[in-house]
PDB file of all heavy atoms in Angstrom:
ATOM      1  N   SER A   1      -6.906   3.044  -4.136  1.00  0.00           N
ATOM      2  CA  SER A   1      -7.728   4.016  -4.848  1.00  0.00           C
ATOM      3  C   SER A   1      -8.513   4.857  -3.842  1.00  0.00           C
ATOM      4  O   SER A   1      -9.328   4.322  -3.086  1.00  0.00           O
ATOM      5  CB  SER A   1      -8.703   3.276  -5.778  1.00  0.00           C
ATOM      6  OG  SER A   1      -9.743   4.113  -6.207  1.00  0.00           O
ATOM      7  N   MET A   2      -8.273   6.173  -3.839  1.00  0.00           N
ATOM      8  CA  MET A   2      -9.064   7.036  -2.962  1.00  0.00           C
ATOM      9  C   MET A   2     -10.537   7.057  -3.337  1.00  0.00           C
ATOM     10  O   MET A   2     -11.382   7.127  -2.450  1.00  0.00           O
ATOM     11  CB  MET A   2      -8.493   8.457  -2.958  1.00  0.00           C
ATOM     12  CG  MET A   2      -7.347   8.666  -1.981  1.00  0.00           C
ATOM     13  SD  MET A   2      -7.672   8.138  -0.271  1.00  0.00           S
ATOM     14  CE  MET A   2      -9.048   9.209   0.163  1.00  0.00           C
ATOM     15  N   PRO A   3     -10.913   6.988  -4.635  1.00  0.00           N
ATOM     16  CA  PRO A   3     -12.347   6.879  -4.924  1.00  0.00           C
ATOM     17  C   PRO A   3     -13.016   5.698  -4.231  1.00  0.00           C
ATOM     18  O   PRO A   3     -14.158   5.799  -3.781  1.00  0.00           O
ATOM     19  CB  PRO A   3     -12.377   6.737  -6.456  1.00  0.00           C
ATOM     20  CG  PRO A   3     -11.198   7.529  -6.912  1.00  0.00           C
ATOM     21  CD  PRO A   3     -10.132   7.239  -5.873  1.00  0.00           C
ATOM     22  N   LEU A   4     -12.299   4.552  -4.111  1.00  0.00           N
ATOM     23  CA  LEU A   4     -12.869   3.420  -3.381  1.00  0.00           C
ATOM     24  C   LEU A   4     -13.020   3.739  -1.900  1.00  0.00           C
ATOM     25  O   LEU A   4     -13.997   3.329  -1.261  1.00  0.00           O
ATOM     26  CB  LEU A   4     -12.006   2.170  -3.557  1.00  0.00           C
ATOM     27  CG  LEU A   4     -12.103   1.429  -4.882  1.00  0.00           C
ATOM     28  CD1 LEU A   4     -11.287   0.142  -4.811  1.00  0.00           C
ATOM     29  CD2 LEU A   4     -13.544   1.124  -5.248  1.00  0.00           C
ATOM     30  N   ILE A   5     -12.050   4.453  -1.337  1.00  0.00           N
ATOM     31  CA  ILE A   5     -12.158   4.871   0.064  1.00  0.00           C
ATOM     32  C   ILE A   5     -13.369   5.775   0.240  1.00  0.00           C
ATOM     33  O   ILE A   5     -14.158   5.609   1.182  1.00  0.00           O
ATOM     34  CB  ILE A   5     -10.881   5.601   0.513  1.00  0.00           C
ATOM     35  CG1 ILE A   5      -9.660   4.664   0.423  1.00  0.00           C
ATOM     36  CG2 ILE A   5     -11.043   6.143   1.932  1.00  0.00           C
ATOM     37  CD1 ILE A   5      -9.668   3.504   1.364  1.00  0.00           C
ATOM     38  N   PHE A   6     -13.545   6.739  -0.661  1.00  0.00           N
ATOM     39  CA  PHE A   6     -14.690   7.652  -0.579  1.00  0.00           C
ATOM     40  C   PHE A   6     -16.005   6.897  -0.688  1.00  0.00           C
ATOM     41  O   PHE A   6     -16.951   7.146   0.075  1.00  0.00           O
ATOM     42  CB  PHE A   6     -14.608   8.710  -1.687  1.00  0.00           C
ATOM     43  CG  PHE A   6     -13.439   9.650  -1.569  1.00  0.00           C
ATOM     44  CD1 PHE A   6     -12.848  10.199  -2.703  1.00  0.00           C
ATOM     45  CD2 PHE A   6     -12.916   9.983  -0.331  1.00  0.00           C
ATOM     46  CE1 PHE A   6     -11.767  11.052  -2.603  1.00  0.00           C
ATOM     47  CE2 PHE A   6     -11.828  10.845  -0.213  1.00  0.00           C
ATOM     48  CZ  PHE A   6     -11.259  11.382  -1.358  1.00  0.00           C
ATOM     49  N   LEU A   7     -16.079   5.964  -1.637  1.00  0.00           N
ATOM     50  CA  LEU A   7     -17.311   5.184  -1.804  1.00  0.00           C
ATOM     51  C   LEU A   7     -17.584   4.344  -0.563  1.00  0.00           C
ATOM     52  O   LEU A   7     -18.728   4.221  -0.123  1.00  0.00           O
ATOM     53  CB  LEU A   7     -17.207   4.292  -3.039  1.00  0.00           C
ATOM     54  CG  LEU A   7     -17.268   4.988  -4.398  1.00  0.00           C
ATOM     55  CD1 LEU A   7     -16.995   3.988  -5.515  1.00  0.00           C
ATOM     56  CD2 LEU A   7     -18.633   5.647  -4.603  1.00  0.00           C
ATOM     57  N   GLY A   8     -16.531   3.732  -0.018  1.00  0.00           N
ATOM     58  CA  GLY A   8     -16.709   2.931   1.189  1.00  0.00           C
ATOM     59  C   GLY A   8     -17.235   3.757   2.349  1.00  0.00           C
ATOM     60  O   GLY A   8     -18.118   3.312   3.098  1.00  0.00           O
ATOM     61  N   LYS A   9     -16.714   4.968   2.510  1.00  0.00           N
ATOM     62  CA  LYS A   9     -17.187   5.841   3.587  1.00  0.00           C
ATOM     63  C   LYS A   9     -18.648   6.223   3.360  1.00  0.00           C
ATOM     64  O   LYS A   9     -19.428   6.305   4.315  1.00  0.00           O
ATOM     65  CB  LYS A   9     -16.315   7.091   3.673  1.00  0.00           C
ATOM     66  CG  LYS A   9     -14.898   6.816   4.160  1.00  0.00           C
ATOM     67  CD  LYS A   9     -14.019   8.042   4.119  1.00  0.00           C
ATOM     68  CE  LYS A   9     -14.419   9.021   5.226  1.00  0.00           C
ATOM     69  NZ  LYS A   9     -14.080   8.490   6.551  1.00  0.00           N
ATOM     70  N   MET A  10     -19.037   6.447   2.100  1.00  0.00           N
ATOM     71  CA  MET A  10     -20.442   6.744   1.790  1.00  0.00           C
ATOM     72  C   MET A  10     -21.346   5.578   2.174  1.00  0.00           C
ATOM     73  O   MET A  10     -22.504   5.778   2.540  1.00  0.00           O
ATOM     74  CB  MET A  10     -20.587   7.058   0.311  1.00  0.00           C
ATOM     75  CG  MET A  10     -19.987   8.385  -0.123  1.00  0.00           C
ATOM     76  SD  MET A  10     -19.962   8.551  -1.934  1.00  0.00           S
ATOM     77  CE  MET A  10     -21.724   8.426  -2.296  1.00  0.00           C
ATOM     78  N   LEU A  11     -20.798   4.365   2.089  1.00  0.00           N
ATOM     79  CA  LEU A  11     -21.561   3.165   2.424  1.00  0.00           C
ATOM     80  C   LEU A  11     -21.524   2.845   3.918  1.00  0.00           C
ATOM     81  O   LEU A  11     -22.079   1.843   4.349  1.00  0.00           O
ATOM     82  CB  LEU A  11     -21.024   1.972   1.633  1.00  0.00           C
ATOM     83  CG  LEU A  11     -21.287   2.023   0.124  1.00  0.00           C
ATOM     84  CD1 LEU A  11     -20.404   1.015  -0.602  1.00  0.00           C
ATOM     85  CD2 LEU A  11     -22.762   1.756  -0.173  1.00  0.00           C
ATOM     86  N   GLY A  12     -20.865   3.683   4.696  1.00  0.00           N
ATOM     87  CA  GLY A  12     -20.819   3.474   6.140  1.00  0.00           C
ATOM     88  C   GLY A  12     -19.679   2.613   6.615  1.00  0.00           C
ATOM     89  O   GLY A  12     -19.657   2.209   7.787  1.00  0.00           O
ATOM     90  N   LEU A  13     -18.711   2.334   5.743  1.00  0.00           N
ATOM     91  CA  LEU A  13     -17.561   1.528   6.144  1.00  0.00           C
ATOM     92  C   LEU A  13     -16.505   2.417   6.810  1.00  0.00           C
ATOM     93  O   LEU A  13     -16.273   3.539   6.356  1.00  0.00           O
ATOM     94  CB  LEU A  13     -16.953   0.827   4.935  1.00  0.00           C
ATOM     95  CG  LEU A  13     -17.886  -0.081   4.128  1.00  0.00           C
ATOM     96  CD1 LEU A  13     -17.137  -0.667   2.946  1.00  0.00           C
ATOM     97  CD2 LEU A  13     -18.465  -1.190   4.989  1.00  0.00           C
ATOM     98  N   PRO A  14     -15.848   1.937   7.849  1.00  0.00           N
ATOM     99  CA  PRO A  14     -14.858   2.755   8.569  1.00  0.00           C
ATOM    100  C   PRO A  14     -13.506   2.801   7.860  1.00  0.00           C
ATOM    101  O   PRO A  14     -12.465   2.456   8.427  1.00  0.00           O
ATOM    102  CB  PRO A  14     -14.766   2.050   9.925  1.00  0.00           C
ATOM    103  CG  PRO A  14     -15.040   0.611   9.607  1.00  0.00           C
ATOM    104  CD  PRO A  14     -16.066   0.629   8.503  1.00  0.00           C
ATOM    105  N   LEU A  15     -13.516   3.227   6.620  1.00  0.00           N
ATOM    106  CA  LEU A  15     -12.280   3.355   5.858  1.00  0.00           C
ATOM    107  C   LEU A  15     -11.722   4.760   6.026  1.00  0.00           C
ATOM    108  O   LEU A  15     -12.467   5.734   6.090  1.00  0.00           O
ATOM    109  CB  LEU A  15     -12.532   3.066   4.373  1.00  0.00           C
ATOM    110  CG  LEU A  15     -13.026   1.659   4.039  1.00  0.00           C
ATOM    111  CD1 LEU A  15     -13.289   1.522   2.541  1.00  0.00           C
ATOM    112  CD2 LEU A  15     -12.034   0.604   4.494  1.00  0.00           C
ATOM    113  N   GLU A  16     -10.379   4.850   6.081  1.00  0.00           N
ATOM    114  CA  GLU A  16      -9.711   6.138   6.261  1.00  0.00           C
ATOM    115  C   GLU A  16      -8.682   6.335   5.157  1.00  0.00           C
ATOM    116  O   GLU A  16      -8.353   5.413   4.413  1.00  0.00           O
ATOM    117  CB  GLU A  16      -9.021   6.179   7.633  1.00  0.00           C
ATOM    118  CG  GLU A  16      -9.950   5.902   8.797  1.00  0.00           C
ATOM    119  CD  GLU A  16      -9.209   5.854  10.116  1.00  0.00           C
ATOM    120  OE1 GLU A  16      -8.164   6.540  10.233  1.00  0.00           O
ATOM    121  OE2 GLU A  16      -9.643   5.113  11.020  1.00  0.00           O
ATOM    122  N   ARG A  17      -8.149   7.558   5.067  1.00  0.00           N
ATOM    123  CA  ARG A  17      -7.148   7.848   4.055  1.00  0.00           C
ATOM    124  C   ARG A  17      -5.933   6.931   4.186  1.00  0.00           C
ATOM    125  O   ARG A  17      -5.309   6.573   3.187  1.00  0.00           O
ATOM    126  CB  ARG A  17      -6.705   9.314   4.154  1.00  0.00           C
ATOM    127  CG  ARG A  17      -7.757  10.301   3.693  1.00  0.00           C
ATOM    128  CD  ARG A  17      -7.240  11.730   3.759  1.00  0.00           C
ATOM    129  NE  ARG A  17      -8.282  12.682   3.421  1.00  0.00           N
ATOM    130  CZ  ARG A  17      -8.557  13.084   2.187  1.00  0.00           C
ATOM    131  NH1 ARG A  17      -7.840  12.613   1.182  1.00  0.00           N
ATOM    132  NH2 ARG A  17      -9.531  13.947   1.954  1.00  0.00           N
ATOM    133  N   LYS A  18      -5.589   6.545   5.407  1.00  0.00           N
ATOM    134  CA  LYS A  18      -4.414   5.685   5.595  1.00  0.00           C
ATOM    135  C   LYS A  18      -4.602   4.319   4.955  1.00  0.00           C
ATOM    136  O   LYS A  18      -3.625   3.593   4.723  1.00  0.00           O
ATOM    137  CB  LYS A  18      -4.104   5.523   7.080  1.00  0.00           C
ATOM    138  CG  LYS A  18      -5.142   4.708   7.848  1.00  0.00           C
ATOM    139  CD  LYS A  18      -4.735   4.536   9.299  1.00  0.00           C
ATOM    140  CE  LYS A  18      -5.740   3.667  10.060  1.00  0.00           C
ATOM    141  NZ  LYS A  18      -5.322   3.460  11.472  1.00  0.00           N
ATOM    142  N   HIS A  19      -5.853   3.926   4.670  1.00  0.00           N
ATOM    143  CA  HIS A  19      -6.117   2.631   4.061  1.00  0.00           C
ATOM    144  C   HIS A  19      -5.925   2.659   2.544  1.00  0.00           C
ATOM    145  O   HIS A  19      -6.039   1.628   1.892  1.00  0.00           O
ATOM    146  CB  HIS A  19      -7.533   2.163   4.395  1.00  0.00           C
ATOM    147  CG  HIS A  19      -7.731   1.896   5.843  1.00  0.00           C
ATOM    148  ND1 HIS A  19      -8.828   2.343   6.552  1.00  0.00           N
ATOM    149  CD2 HIS A  19      -6.942   1.244   6.748  1.00  0.00           C
ATOM    150  CE1 HIS A  19      -8.719   1.967   7.814  1.00  0.00           C
ATOM    151  NE2 HIS A  19      -7.583   1.302   7.951  1.00  0.00           N
ATOM    152  N   ARG A  20      -5.630   3.825   1.993  1.00  0.00           N
ATOM    153  CA  ARG A  20      -5.276   3.916   0.581  1.00  0.00           C
ATOM    154  C   ARG A  20      -3.764   3.725   0.496  1.00  0.00           C
ATOM    155  O   ARG A  20      -2.984   4.609   0.813  1.00  0.00           O
ATOM    156  CB  ARG A  20      -5.703   5.259   0.015  1.00  0.00           C
ATOM    157  CG  ARG A  20      -5.553   5.365  -1.510  1.00  0.00           C
ATOM    158  CD  ARG A  20      -4.283   6.068  -1.890  1.00  0.00           C
ATOM    159  NE  ARG A  20      -4.208   6.346  -3.316  1.00  0.00           N
ATOM    160  CZ  ARG A  20      -3.152   6.863  -3.913  1.00  0.00           C
ATOM    161  NH1 ARG A  20      -2.076   7.169  -3.208  1.00  0.00           N
ATOM    162  NH2 ARG A  20      -3.156   7.084  -5.197  1.00  0.00           N
ATOM    163  N   THR A  21      -3.346   2.520   0.089  1.00  0.00           N
ATOM    164  CA  THR A  21      -1.931   2.158   0.171  1.00  0.00           C
ATOM    165  C   THR A  21      -1.408   1.818  -1.220  1.00  0.00           C
ATOM    166  O   THR A  21      -1.084   0.664  -1.510  1.00  0.00           O
ATOM    167  CB  THR A  21      -1.721   0.980   1.133  1.00  0.00           C
ATOM    168  OG1 THR A  21      -2.617  -0.087   0.763  1.00  0.00           O
ATOM    169  CG2 THR A  21      -2.009   1.372   2.558  1.00  0.00           C
ATOM    170  N   ALA A  22      -1.328   2.810  -2.111  1.00  0.00           N
ATOM    171  CA  ALA A  22      -0.819   2.581  -3.459  1.00  0.00           C
ATOM    172  C   ALA A  22       0.627   2.107  -3.410  1.00  0.00           C
ATOM    173  O   ALA A  22       1.418   2.566  -2.589  1.00  0.00           O
ATOM    174  CB  ALA A  22      -0.928   3.868  -4.281  1.00  0.00           C
ATOM    175  N   PHE A  23       0.987   1.188  -4.294  1.00  0.00           N
ATOM    176  CA  PHE A  23       2.309   0.575  -4.274  1.00  0.00           C
ATOM    177  C   PHE A  23       3.416   1.615  -4.366  1.00  0.00           C
ATOM    178  O   PHE A  23       4.464   1.479  -3.716  1.00  0.00           O
ATOM    179  CB  PHE A  23       2.431  -0.436  -5.416  1.00  0.00           C
ATOM    180  CG  PHE A  23       3.688  -1.254  -5.361  1.00  0.00           C
ATOM    181  CD1 PHE A  23       3.834  -2.258  -4.416  1.00  0.00           C
ATOM    182  CD2 PHE A  23       4.729  -1.022  -6.237  1.00  0.00           C
ATOM    183  CE1 PHE A  23       4.997  -3.012  -4.349  1.00  0.00           C
ATOM    184  CE2 PHE A  23       5.897  -1.774  -6.184  1.00  0.00           C
ATOM    185  CZ  PHE A  23       6.024  -2.766  -5.243  1.00  0.00           C
ATOM    186  N   LEU A  24       3.224   2.657  -5.157  1.00  0.00           N
ATOM    187  CA  LEU A  24       4.247   3.683  -5.276  1.00  0.00           C
ATOM    188  C   LEU A  24       4.482   4.425  -3.970  1.00  0.00           C
ATOM    189  O   LEU A  24       5.530   5.038  -3.783  1.00  0.00           O
ATOM    190  CB  LEU A  24       3.873   4.694  -6.374  1.00  0.00           C
ATOM    191  CG  LEU A  24       4.157   4.261  -7.809  1.00  0.00           C
ATOM    192  CD1 LEU A  24       3.731   5.359  -8.784  1.00  0.00           C
ATOM    193  CD2 LEU A  24       5.618   3.914  -8.016  1.00  0.00           C
ATOM    194  N   ASP A  25       3.517   4.380  -3.069  1.00  0.00           N
ATOM    195  CA  ASP A  25       3.659   5.072  -1.787  1.00  0.00           C
ATOM    196  C   ASP A  25       4.446   4.257  -0.765  1.00  0.00           C
ATOM    197  O   ASP A  25       4.930   4.820   0.218  1.00  0.00           O
ATOM    198  CB  ASP A  25       2.281   5.416  -1.205  1.00  0.00           C
ATOM    199  CG  ASP A  25       1.560   6.481  -2.011  1.00  0.00           C
ATOM    200  OD1 ASP A  25       2.242   7.317  -2.625  1.00  0.00           O
ATOM    201  OD2 ASP A  25       0.308   6.471  -2.037  1.00  0.00           O
ATOM    202  N   TRP A  26       4.567   2.944  -0.975  1.00  0.00           N
ATOM    203  CA  TRP A  26       5.253   2.138   0.038  1.00  0.00           C
ATOM    204  C   TRP A  26       6.336   1.223  -0.529  1.00  0.00           C
ATOM    205  O   TRP A  26       6.964   0.472   0.219  1.00  0.00           O
ATOM    206  CB  TRP A  26       4.254   1.303   0.849  1.00  0.00           C
ATOM    207  CG  TRP A  26       3.331   0.413   0.068  1.00  0.00           C
ATOM    208  CD1 TRP A  26       2.112   0.737  -0.431  1.00  0.00           C
ATOM    209  CD2 TRP A  26       3.539  -0.974  -0.290  1.00  0.00           C
ATOM    210  NE1 TRP A  26       1.549  -0.348  -1.089  1.00  0.00           N
ATOM    211  CE2 TRP A  26       2.400  -1.395  -1.007  1.00  0.00           C
ATOM    212  CE3 TRP A  26       4.578  -1.875  -0.059  1.00  0.00           C
ATOM    213  CZ2 TRP A  26       2.267  -2.689  -1.508  1.00  0.00           C
ATOM    214  CZ3 TRP A  26       4.457  -3.168  -0.557  1.00  0.00           C
ATOM    215  CH2 TRP A  26       3.307  -3.559  -1.269  1.00  0.00           C
ATOM    216  N   HIS A  27       6.602   1.312  -1.824  1.00  0.00           N
ATOM    217  CA  HIS A  27       7.612   0.415  -2.388  1.00  0.00           C
ATOM    218  C   HIS A  27       9.000   0.688  -1.804  1.00  0.00           C
ATOM    219  O   HIS A  27       9.788  -0.236  -1.609  1.00  0.00           O
ATOM    220  CB  HIS A  27       7.642   0.516  -3.914  1.00  0.00           C
ATOM    221  CG  HIS A  27       8.312   1.742  -4.443  1.00  0.00           C
ATOM    222  ND1 HIS A  27       7.674   2.958  -4.539  1.00  0.00           N
ATOM    223  CD2 HIS A  27       9.588   1.953  -4.882  1.00  0.00           C
ATOM    224  CE1 HIS A  27       8.508   3.852  -5.025  1.00  0.00           C
ATOM    225  NE2 HIS A  27       9.675   3.278  -5.242  1.00  0.00           N
ATOM    226  N   GLU A  28       9.320   1.953  -1.498  1.00  0.00           N
ATOM    227  CA  GLU A  28      10.628   2.252  -0.911  1.00  0.00           C
ATOM    228  C   GLU A  28      10.754   1.647   0.487  1.00  0.00           C
ATOM    229  O   GLU A  28      11.823   1.153   0.858  1.00  0.00           O
ATOM    230  CB  GLU A  28      10.851   3.759  -0.864  1.00  0.00           C
ATOM    231  CG  GLU A  28      11.024   4.403  -2.233  1.00  0.00           C
ATOM    232  CD  GLU A  28      11.306   5.889  -2.139  1.00  0.00           C
ATOM    233  OE1 GLU A  28      11.164   6.448  -1.029  1.00  0.00           O
ATOM    234  OE2 GLU A  28      11.663   6.493  -3.167  1.00  0.00           O
ATOM    235  N   ASP A  29       9.657   1.685   1.252  1.00  0.00           N
ATOM    236  CA  ASP A  29       9.674   1.049   2.577  1.00  0.00           C
ATOM    237  C   ASP A  29       9.895  -0.448   2.452  1.00  0.00           C
ATOM    238  O   ASP A  29      10.648  -1.043   3.244  1.00  0.00           O
ATOM    239  CB  ASP A  29       8.350   1.319   3.303  1.00  0.00           C
ATOM    240  CG  ASP A  29       8.136   2.784   3.620  1.00  0.00           C
ATOM    241  OD1 ASP A  29       9.137   3.471   3.927  1.00  0.00           O
ATOM    242  OD2 ASP A  29       6.990   3.246   3.556  1.00  0.00           O
ATOM    243  N   LEU A  30       9.252  -1.059   1.459  1.00  0.00           N
ATOM    244  CA  LEU A  30       9.420  -2.500   1.260  1.00  0.00           C
ATOM    245  C   LEU A  30      10.850  -2.836   0.865  1.00  0.00           C
ATOM    246  O   LEU A  30      11.456  -3.766   1.412  1.00  0.00           O
ATOM    247  CB  LEU A  30       8.445  -2.989   0.190  1.00  0.00           C
ATOM    248  CG  LEU A  30       8.579  -4.470  -0.191  1.00  0.00           C
ATOM    249  CD1 LEU A  30       8.258  -5.366   0.997  1.00  0.00           C
ATOM    250  CD2 LEU A  30       7.683  -4.808  -1.385  1.00  0.00           C
ATOM    251  N   LEU A  31      11.414  -2.084  -0.069  1.00  0.00           N
ATOM    252  CA  LEU A  31      12.767  -2.373  -0.532  1.00  0.00           C
ATOM    253  C   LEU A  31      13.797  -2.137   0.570  1.00  0.00           C
ATOM    254  O   LEU A  31      14.750  -2.911   0.717  1.00  0.00           O
ATOM    255  CB  LEU A  31      13.086  -1.516  -1.754  1.00  0.00           C
ATOM    256  CG  LEU A  31      12.262  -1.815  -3.005  1.00  0.00           C
ATOM    257  CD1 LEU A  31      12.562  -0.795  -4.101  1.00  0.00           C
ATOM    258  CD2 LEU A  31      12.505  -3.227  -3.510  1.00  0.00           C
ATOM    259  N   SER A  32      13.602  -1.091   1.350  1.00  0.00           N
ATOM    260  CA  SER A  32      14.517  -0.826   2.466  1.00  0.00           C
ATOM    261  C   SER A  32      14.430  -1.927   3.508  1.00  0.00           C
ATOM    262  O   SER A  32      15.455  -2.366   4.056  1.00  0.00           O
ATOM    263  CB  SER A  32      14.197   0.527   3.103  1.00  0.00           C
ATOM    264  OG  SER A  32      14.416   1.581   2.190  1.00  0.00           O
ATOM    265  N   LEU A  33      13.208  -2.392   3.789  1.00  0.00           N
ATOM    266  CA  LEU A  33      13.027  -3.473   4.753  1.00  0.00           C
ATOM    267  C   LEU A  33      13.653  -4.756   4.222  1.00  0.00           C
ATOM    268  O   LEU A  33      14.305  -5.498   4.977  1.00  0.00           O
ATOM    269  CB  LEU A  33      11.542  -3.672   5.037  1.00  0.00           C
ATOM    270  CG  LEU A  33      11.177  -4.697   6.111  1.00  0.00           C
ATOM    271  CD1 LEU A  33      11.751  -4.295   7.469  1.00  0.00           C
ATOM    272  CD2 LEU A  33       9.647  -4.850   6.207  1.00  0.00           C
ATOM    273  N   ALA A  34      13.458  -5.029   2.929  1.00  0.00           N
ATOM    274  CA  ALA A  34      14.048  -6.230   2.329  1.00  0.00           C
ATOM    275  C   ALA A  34      15.567  -6.182   2.411  1.00  0.00           C
ATOM    276  O   ALA A  34      16.223  -7.199   2.683  1.00  0.00           O
ATOM    277  CB  ALA A  34      13.597  -6.359   0.873  1.00  0.00           C
ATOM    278  N   GLU A  35      16.153  -5.008   2.195  1.00  0.00           N
ATOM    279  CA  GLU A  35      17.603  -4.869   2.297  1.00  0.00           C
ATOM    280  C   GLU A  35      18.077  -5.113   3.725  1.00  0.00           C
ATOM    281  O   GLU A  35      19.053  -5.822   3.957  1.00  0.00           O
ATOM    282  CB  GLU A  35      18.023  -3.481   1.829  1.00  0.00           C
ATOM    283  CG  GLU A  35      19.526  -3.263   1.831  1.00  0.00           C
ATOM    284  CD  GLU A  35      19.906  -1.867   1.383  1.00  0.00           C
ATOM    285  OE1 GLU A  35      19.149  -0.920   1.701  1.00  0.00           O
ATOM    286  OE2 GLU A  35      20.952  -1.710   0.739  1.00  0.00           O
ATOM    287  N   ALA A  36      17.353  -4.544   4.698  1.00  0.00           N
ATOM    288  CA  ALA A  36      17.751  -4.686   6.104  1.00  0.00           C
ATOM    289  C   ALA A  36      17.578  -6.122   6.595  1.00  0.00           C
ATOM    290  O   ALA A  36      18.376  -6.606   7.414  1.00  0.00           O
ATOM    291  CB  ALA A  36      16.929  -3.730   6.968  1.00  0.00           C
ATOM    292  N   LYS A  37      16.543  -6.809   6.095  1.00  0.00           N
ATOM    293  CA  LYS A  37      16.245  -8.175   6.551  1.00  0.00           C
ATOM    294  C   LYS A  37      16.912  -9.250   5.693  1.00  0.00           C
ATOM    295  O   LYS A  37      16.742 -10.433   5.969  1.00  0.00           O
ATOM    296  CB  LYS A  37      14.727  -8.389   6.542  1.00  0.00           C
ATOM    297  CG  LYS A  37      13.935  -7.470   7.471  1.00  0.00           C
ATOM    298  CD  LYS A  37      14.098  -7.860   8.922  1.00  0.00           C
ATOM    299  CE  LYS A  37      13.197  -7.036   9.824  1.00  0.00           C
ATOM    300  NZ  LYS A  37      13.320  -7.439  11.251  1.00  0.00           N
ATOM    301  N   ASP A  38      17.618  -8.830   4.643  1.00  0.00           N
ATOM    302  CA  ASP A  38      18.281  -9.769   3.736  1.00  0.00           C
ATOM    303  C   ASP A  38      17.273 -10.680   3.038  1.00  0.00           C
ATOM    304  O   ASP A  38      17.515 -11.881   2.864  1.00  0.00           O
ATOM    305  CB  ASP A  38      19.335 -10.599   4.470  1.00  0.00           C
ATOM    306  CG  ASP A  38      20.311 -11.270   3.497  1.00  0.00           C
ATOM    307  OD1 ASP A  38      20.500 -10.736   2.394  1.00  0.00           O
ATOM    308  OD2 ASP A  38      20.857 -12.329   3.849  1.00  0.00           O
ATOM    309  N   TRP A  39      16.137 -10.097   2.628  1.00  0.00           N
ATOM    310  CA  TRP A  39      15.150 -10.844   1.864  1.00  0.00           C
ATOM    311  C   TRP A  39      15.554 -10.857   0.395  1.00  0.00           C
ATOM    312  O   TRP A  39      16.045  -9.863  -0.138  1.00  0.00           O
ATOM    313  CB  TRP A  39      13.761 -10.213   1.994  1.00  0.00           C
ATOM    314  CG  TRP A  39      13.185 -10.235   3.381  1.00  0.00           C
ATOM    315  CD1 TRP A  39      13.570 -11.008   4.425  1.00  0.00           C
ATOM    316  CD2 TRP A  39      12.103  -9.423   3.846  1.00  0.00           C
ATOM    317  NE1 TRP A  39      12.790 -10.745   5.528  1.00  0.00           N
ATOM    318  CE2 TRP A  39      11.885  -9.772   5.202  1.00  0.00           C
ATOM    319  CE3 TRP A  39      11.312  -8.442   3.271  1.00  0.00           C
ATOM    320  CZ2 TRP A  39      10.893  -9.172   5.976  1.00  0.00           C
ATOM    321  CZ3 TRP A  39      10.315  -7.841   4.034  1.00  0.00           C
ATOM    322  CH2 TRP A  39      10.109  -8.203   5.383  1.00  0.00           C
ATOM    323  N   ARG A  40      15.309 -11.959  -0.261  1.00  0.00           N
ATOM    324  CA  ARG A  40      15.586 -12.085  -1.686  1.00  0.00           C
ATOM    325  C   ARG A  40      14.334 -11.735  -2.496  1.00  0.00           C
ATOM    326  O   ARG A  40      13.242 -12.235  -2.206  1.00  0.00           O
ATOM    327  CB  ARG A  40      16.053 -13.503  -2.029  1.00  0.00           C
ATOM    328  CG  ARG A  40      17.395 -13.877  -1.415  1.00  0.00           C
ATOM    329  CD  ARG A  40      17.805 -15.300  -1.790  1.00  0.00           C
ATOM    330  NE  ARG A  40      16.782 -16.275  -1.446  1.00  0.00           N
ATOM    331  CZ  ARG A  40      16.595 -16.762  -0.214  1.00  0.00           C
ATOM    332  NH1 ARG A  40      17.352 -16.332   0.793  1.00  0.00           N
ATOM    333  NH2 ARG A  40      15.655 -17.649   0.013  1.00  0.00           N
ATOM    334  N   ILE A  41      14.512 -10.907  -3.513  1.00  0.00           N
ATOM    335  CA  ILE A  41      13.413 -10.491  -4.375  1.00  0.00           C
ATOM    336  C   ILE A  41      13.710 -10.918  -5.804  1.00  0.00           C
ATOM    337  O   ILE A  41      14.824 -10.732  -6.303  1.00  0.00           O
ATOM    338  CB  ILE A  41      13.206  -8.963  -4.332  1.00  0.00           C
ATOM    339  CG1 ILE A  41      12.863  -8.496  -2.909  1.00  0.00           C
ATOM    340  CG2 ILE A  41      12.101  -8.538  -5.305  1.00  0.00           C
ATOM    341  CD1 ILE A  41      12.728  -6.985  -2.782  1.00  0.00           C
ATOM    342  N   PHE A  42      12.706 -11.489  -6.455  1.00  0.00           N
ATOM    343  CA  PHE A  42      12.804 -11.798  -7.885  1.00  0.00           C
ATOM    344  C   PHE A  42      11.747 -10.954  -8.580  1.00  0.00           C
ATOM    345  O   PHE A  42      10.558 -11.062  -8.285  1.00  0.00           O
ATOM    346  CB  PHE A  42      12.546 -13.280  -8.150  1.00  0.00           C
ATOM    347  CG  PHE A  42      13.028 -13.758  -9.504  1.00  0.00           C
ATOM    348  CD1 PHE A  42      14.104 -14.619  -9.603  1.00  0.00           C
ATOM    349  CD2 PHE A  42      12.401 -13.338 -10.680  1.00  0.00           C
ATOM    350  CE1 PHE A  42      14.557 -15.061 -10.846  1.00  0.00           C
ATOM    351  CE2 PHE A  42      12.838 -13.761 -11.911  1.00  0.00           C
ATOM    352  CZ  PHE A  42      13.920 -14.627 -12.007  1.00  0.00           C
ATOM    353  N   TYR A  43      12.201 -10.103  -9.504  1.00  0.00           N
ATOM    354  CA  TYR A  43      11.275  -9.208 -10.212  1.00  0.00           C
ATOM    355  C   TYR A  43      11.075  -9.703 -11.641  1.00  0.00           C
ATOM    356  O   TYR A  43      12.038  -9.959 -12.365  1.00  0.00           O
ATOM    357  CB  TYR A  43      11.824  -7.782 -10.238  1.00  0.00           C
ATOM    358  CG  TYR A  43      10.894  -6.812 -10.944  1.00  0.00           C
ATOM    359  CD1 TYR A  43       9.910  -6.128 -10.238  1.00  0.00           C
ATOM    360  CD2 TYR A  43      10.994  -6.600 -12.313  1.00  0.00           C
ATOM    361  CE1 TYR A  43       9.037  -5.267 -10.881  1.00  0.00           C
ATOM    362  CE2 TYR A  43      10.123  -5.736 -12.969  1.00  0.00           C
ATOM    363  CZ  TYR A  43       9.154  -5.069 -12.248  1.00  0.00           C
ATOM    364  OH  TYR A  43       8.279  -4.217 -12.889  1.00  0.00           O
ATOM    365  N   VAL A  44       9.799  -9.819 -12.041  1.00  0.00           N
ATOM    366  CA  VAL A  44       9.449 -10.197 -13.409  1.00  0.00           C
ATOM    367  C   VAL A  44       8.592  -9.089 -14.004  1.00  0.00           C
ATOM    368  O   VAL A  44       7.523  -8.756 -13.476  1.00  0.00           O
ATOM    369  CB  VAL A  44       8.674 -11.528 -13.454  1.00  0.00           C
ATOM    370  CG1 VAL A  44       8.334 -11.902 -14.895  1.00  0.00           C
ATOM    371  CG2 VAL A  44       9.463 -12.648 -12.789  1.00  0.00           C
ATOM    372  N   GLY A  45       9.064  -8.508 -15.116  1.00  0.00           N
ATOM    373  CA  GLY A  45       8.286  -7.468 -15.772  1.00  0.00           C
ATOM    374  C   GLY A  45       9.177  -6.444 -16.441  1.00  0.00           C
ATOM    375  O   GLY A  45      10.376  -6.361 -16.167  1.00  0.00           O
TER     376      GLY A  45
END
């Protein structure tokens, strides 16, 4: 959540935009890595 990043920065915490890591932004990286590493995934939902 970028609002949490903004609030953290207001509180003096060294949070940056890169620390906002929404699942939709990195799920493709995870799936590609899982494919390359032969990791098994079980999805429920």
